[in-house]
Protein backbone atom coordinates (compact mmCIF):
# COMPACT_ATOMS: atom_id res chain seq x y z
CA MET A 1 -83.05 -203.95 -39.58
CA GLY A 2 -83.50 -200.56 -37.97
CA ARG A 3 -81.89 -199.14 -34.89
CA TYR A 4 -85.06 -199.43 -32.84
CA ARG A 5 -87.09 -202.47 -31.96
CA PRO A 6 -90.40 -202.93 -33.82
CA VAL A 7 -93.58 -201.55 -32.28
CA THR A 8 -95.79 -204.34 -30.92
CA SER A 9 -99.54 -204.33 -30.32
CA ASP A 10 -98.87 -204.01 -26.57
CA ASP A 11 -96.85 -200.86 -27.27
CA ILE A 12 -99.69 -199.45 -29.37
CA SER A 13 -102.26 -200.05 -26.63
CA ALA A 14 -99.91 -198.46 -24.06
CA ILE A 15 -99.39 -195.44 -26.34
CA SER A 16 -103.15 -195.11 -26.78
CA SER A 17 -103.93 -195.30 -23.07
CA LEU A 18 -101.15 -192.87 -22.12
CA HIS A 19 -102.26 -190.43 -24.84
CA LYS A 20 -105.85 -190.55 -23.61
CA ALA A 21 -104.57 -189.94 -20.07
CA GLY A 22 -102.99 -186.69 -21.31
CA HIS A 23 -99.27 -187.52 -21.33
CA SER A 24 -96.94 -185.81 -23.77
CA VAL A 25 -95.26 -187.62 -26.66
CA LYS A 26 -91.84 -187.47 -24.98
CA ASP A 27 -93.22 -188.95 -21.76
CA ILE A 28 -94.93 -191.74 -23.69
CA ALA A 29 -91.71 -192.49 -25.58
CA LYS A 30 -89.73 -192.60 -22.34
CA ASN A 31 -92.26 -194.90 -20.62
CA THR A 32 -92.77 -197.35 -23.50
CA GLY A 33 -89.25 -197.43 -24.92
CA VAL A 34 -90.48 -196.57 -28.42
CA SER A 35 -88.87 -193.75 -30.41
CA VAL A 36 -90.43 -190.29 -30.26
CA ARG A 37 -91.14 -190.29 -33.98
CA SER A 38 -93.00 -193.61 -33.80
CA VAL A 39 -95.01 -192.43 -30.81
CA SER A 40 -95.96 -189.21 -32.60
CA ARG A 41 -97.10 -191.19 -35.66
CA TRP A 42 -99.24 -193.52 -33.54
CA VAL A 43 -100.68 -190.57 -31.58
CA GLN A 44 -101.61 -188.91 -34.86
CA GLN A 45 -103.30 -192.08 -36.11
CA ILE A 46 -105.18 -192.47 -32.82
CA SER A 47 -106.40 -188.88 -32.87
CA ASN A 48 -107.41 -189.14 -36.57
CA SER A 49 -109.36 -192.37 -36.08
CA GLY A 50 -111.57 -190.81 -33.40
CA ASP A 51 -113.12 -194.08 -32.21
CA ASP A 52 -112.09 -196.37 -29.38
CA ASP A 53 -110.65 -199.05 -31.68
CA LEU A 54 -106.89 -199.16 -31.81
CA PRO A 55 -105.37 -198.64 -35.24
CA ARG A 56 -103.95 -201.85 -36.66
CA LYS A 57 -100.46 -202.32 -37.97
CA ARG A 58 -100.23 -202.65 -41.72
CA LEU A 59 -99.16 -205.91 -43.27
CA PRO A 60 -95.78 -205.91 -44.99
CA PRO A 61 -95.92 -205.25 -48.72
CA GLY A 62 -95.71 -208.01 -51.29
CA ARG A 63 -97.39 -211.31 -51.81
CA PRO A 64 -97.24 -214.05 -49.19
CA ARG A 65 -94.68 -216.83 -49.45
CA LYS A 66 -95.54 -220.05 -51.21
CA THR A 67 -93.97 -222.19 -48.51
CA HIS A 68 -94.96 -222.25 -44.86
CA PRO A 69 -92.24 -221.88 -42.21
CA ARG A 70 -93.02 -225.41 -41.00
CA THR A 71 -91.94 -226.82 -44.34
CA LEU A 72 -88.47 -225.43 -43.64
CA ASN A 73 -88.22 -227.83 -40.71
CA ILE A 74 -89.10 -230.69 -43.06
CA PHE A 75 -86.47 -229.50 -45.55
CA LYS A 76 -83.86 -229.26 -42.79
CA ARG A 77 -84.63 -232.76 -41.54
CA ASP A 78 -84.42 -234.22 -45.07
CA VAL A 79 -81.17 -232.41 -45.90
CA ASP A 80 -79.59 -233.42 -42.59
CA LYS A 81 -80.56 -237.02 -43.28
CA CYS A 82 -79.16 -236.99 -46.83
CA PRO A 83 -76.90 -234.00 -47.61
CA SER A 84 -76.69 -234.83 -51.32
CA ILE A 85 -80.47 -234.61 -51.86
CA SER A 86 -81.57 -232.36 -54.70
CA GLY A 87 -84.41 -229.86 -54.82
CA ARG A 88 -86.31 -232.11 -57.20
CA GLN A 89 -86.04 -235.04 -54.77
CA LEU A 90 -87.20 -232.82 -51.90
CA LYS A 91 -90.24 -231.82 -53.93
CA GLU A 92 -90.99 -235.43 -54.89
CA ASN A 93 -90.65 -236.64 -51.29
CA ASN A 94 -93.02 -233.93 -50.03
CA HIS A 95 -95.40 -233.69 -52.99
CA VAL A 96 -98.43 -233.14 -50.74
CA LEU A 97 -96.95 -230.00 -49.16
CA LEU A 98 -95.23 -228.71 -52.29
CA GLY A 99 -97.84 -229.50 -54.93
CA GLU A 100 -97.79 -226.16 -56.74
CA VAL A 101 -94.35 -224.96 -55.67
CA SER A 102 -91.60 -224.98 -58.27
CA VAL A 103 -88.32 -226.82 -57.86
CA ARG A 104 -86.51 -223.48 -58.08
CA THR A 105 -88.48 -222.17 -55.09
CA VAL A 106 -87.55 -225.28 -53.10
CA ARG A 107 -83.87 -224.76 -53.94
CA ARG A 108 -84.10 -221.09 -52.99
CA ARG A 109 -85.69 -221.87 -49.61
CA VAL A 110 -83.00 -224.45 -48.84
CA HIS A 111 -80.23 -222.03 -49.80
CA ASP A 112 -81.52 -218.68 -48.52
CA ASP A 113 -83.60 -219.59 -45.49
CA LEU A 114 -81.72 -222.62 -44.19
CA GLY A 115 -78.24 -221.51 -45.24
CA PHE A 116 -77.23 -224.71 -47.03
CA LYS A 117 -74.82 -224.14 -49.90
CA HIS A 118 -75.25 -225.34 -53.47
CA PHE A 119 -72.73 -228.05 -54.19
CA VAL A 120 -72.55 -231.55 -55.51
CA ALA A 121 -71.64 -234.06 -52.85
CA ARG A 122 -68.22 -235.61 -53.39
CA PRO A 123 -68.29 -239.36 -53.97
CA LYS A 124 -66.62 -241.41 -51.29
CA PRO A 125 -63.19 -242.80 -52.25
CA LEU A 126 -63.00 -246.49 -53.07
CA LEU A 127 -60.01 -246.99 -50.78
CA LYS A 128 -59.16 -245.02 -47.68
CA GLU A 129 -55.57 -243.99 -46.96
CA VAL A 130 -55.18 -246.68 -44.30
CA GLN A 131 -56.37 -249.36 -46.73
CA LYS A 132 -53.94 -248.11 -49.40
CA ARG A 133 -51.07 -248.31 -46.91
CA PHE A 134 -52.03 -251.88 -45.91
CA THR A 135 -52.19 -253.03 -49.54
CA THR A 136 -48.81 -251.49 -50.39
CA ASP A 137 -47.26 -253.02 -47.26
CA PHE A 138 -48.80 -256.38 -48.10
CA SER A 139 -47.67 -256.27 -51.72
CA SER A 140 -44.11 -255.31 -50.76
CA ALA A 141 -43.99 -258.06 -48.13
CA ALA A 142 -45.40 -260.61 -50.56
CA SER A 143 -42.98 -259.61 -53.31
CA THR A 144 -39.94 -259.94 -51.05
CA SER A 145 -41.04 -263.25 -49.59
CA LEU A 146 -41.90 -264.75 -52.98
CA GLY A 147 -38.93 -263.23 -54.76
CA ILE A 148 -41.02 -261.27 -57.25
CA LEU A 149 -39.33 -258.34 -58.89
CA ARG A 150 -41.19 -255.09 -58.42
CA THR A 151 -41.90 -252.96 -61.45
CA GLY A 152 -41.14 -249.67 -59.71
CA ARG A 153 -44.72 -248.96 -58.82
CA SER A 154 -44.70 -248.12 -55.12
CA THR A 155 -48.31 -247.11 -54.44
CA LEU A 156 -51.70 -248.18 -55.64
CA GLU A 157 -53.92 -245.67 -57.33
């Protein structure tokens, strides 16, 4: 990300109208809030084009993404619902949207764009700490009341 904000189409039309009104590049930059270098580039493009049409901004280089930004919302909803879902399951659940998208691309979108980390969900323990304490208390109480000798095993695993 640069130091200056990006030039919008409103800025370009303002630069064009101010240039046609005869303002200098520094005045245009001060009025629009765009850097002097950007204003001079747009003024040069406007003067080279010669017609009344405004020059259009160029598209960013590279091919377009395979997934639409709306699919990220679907991914987020599915991952929030089930955090241990895999990329393959996401693709199978949304096979209409992701017909020709690879599983690797789905994983990359979940990791890079949504910020979810790659990890395997830990299985839940069979007994919680409170339940372990209750069972040990119960076993010790039962052994003392029944007169059973303990084998030295104080906790359950």
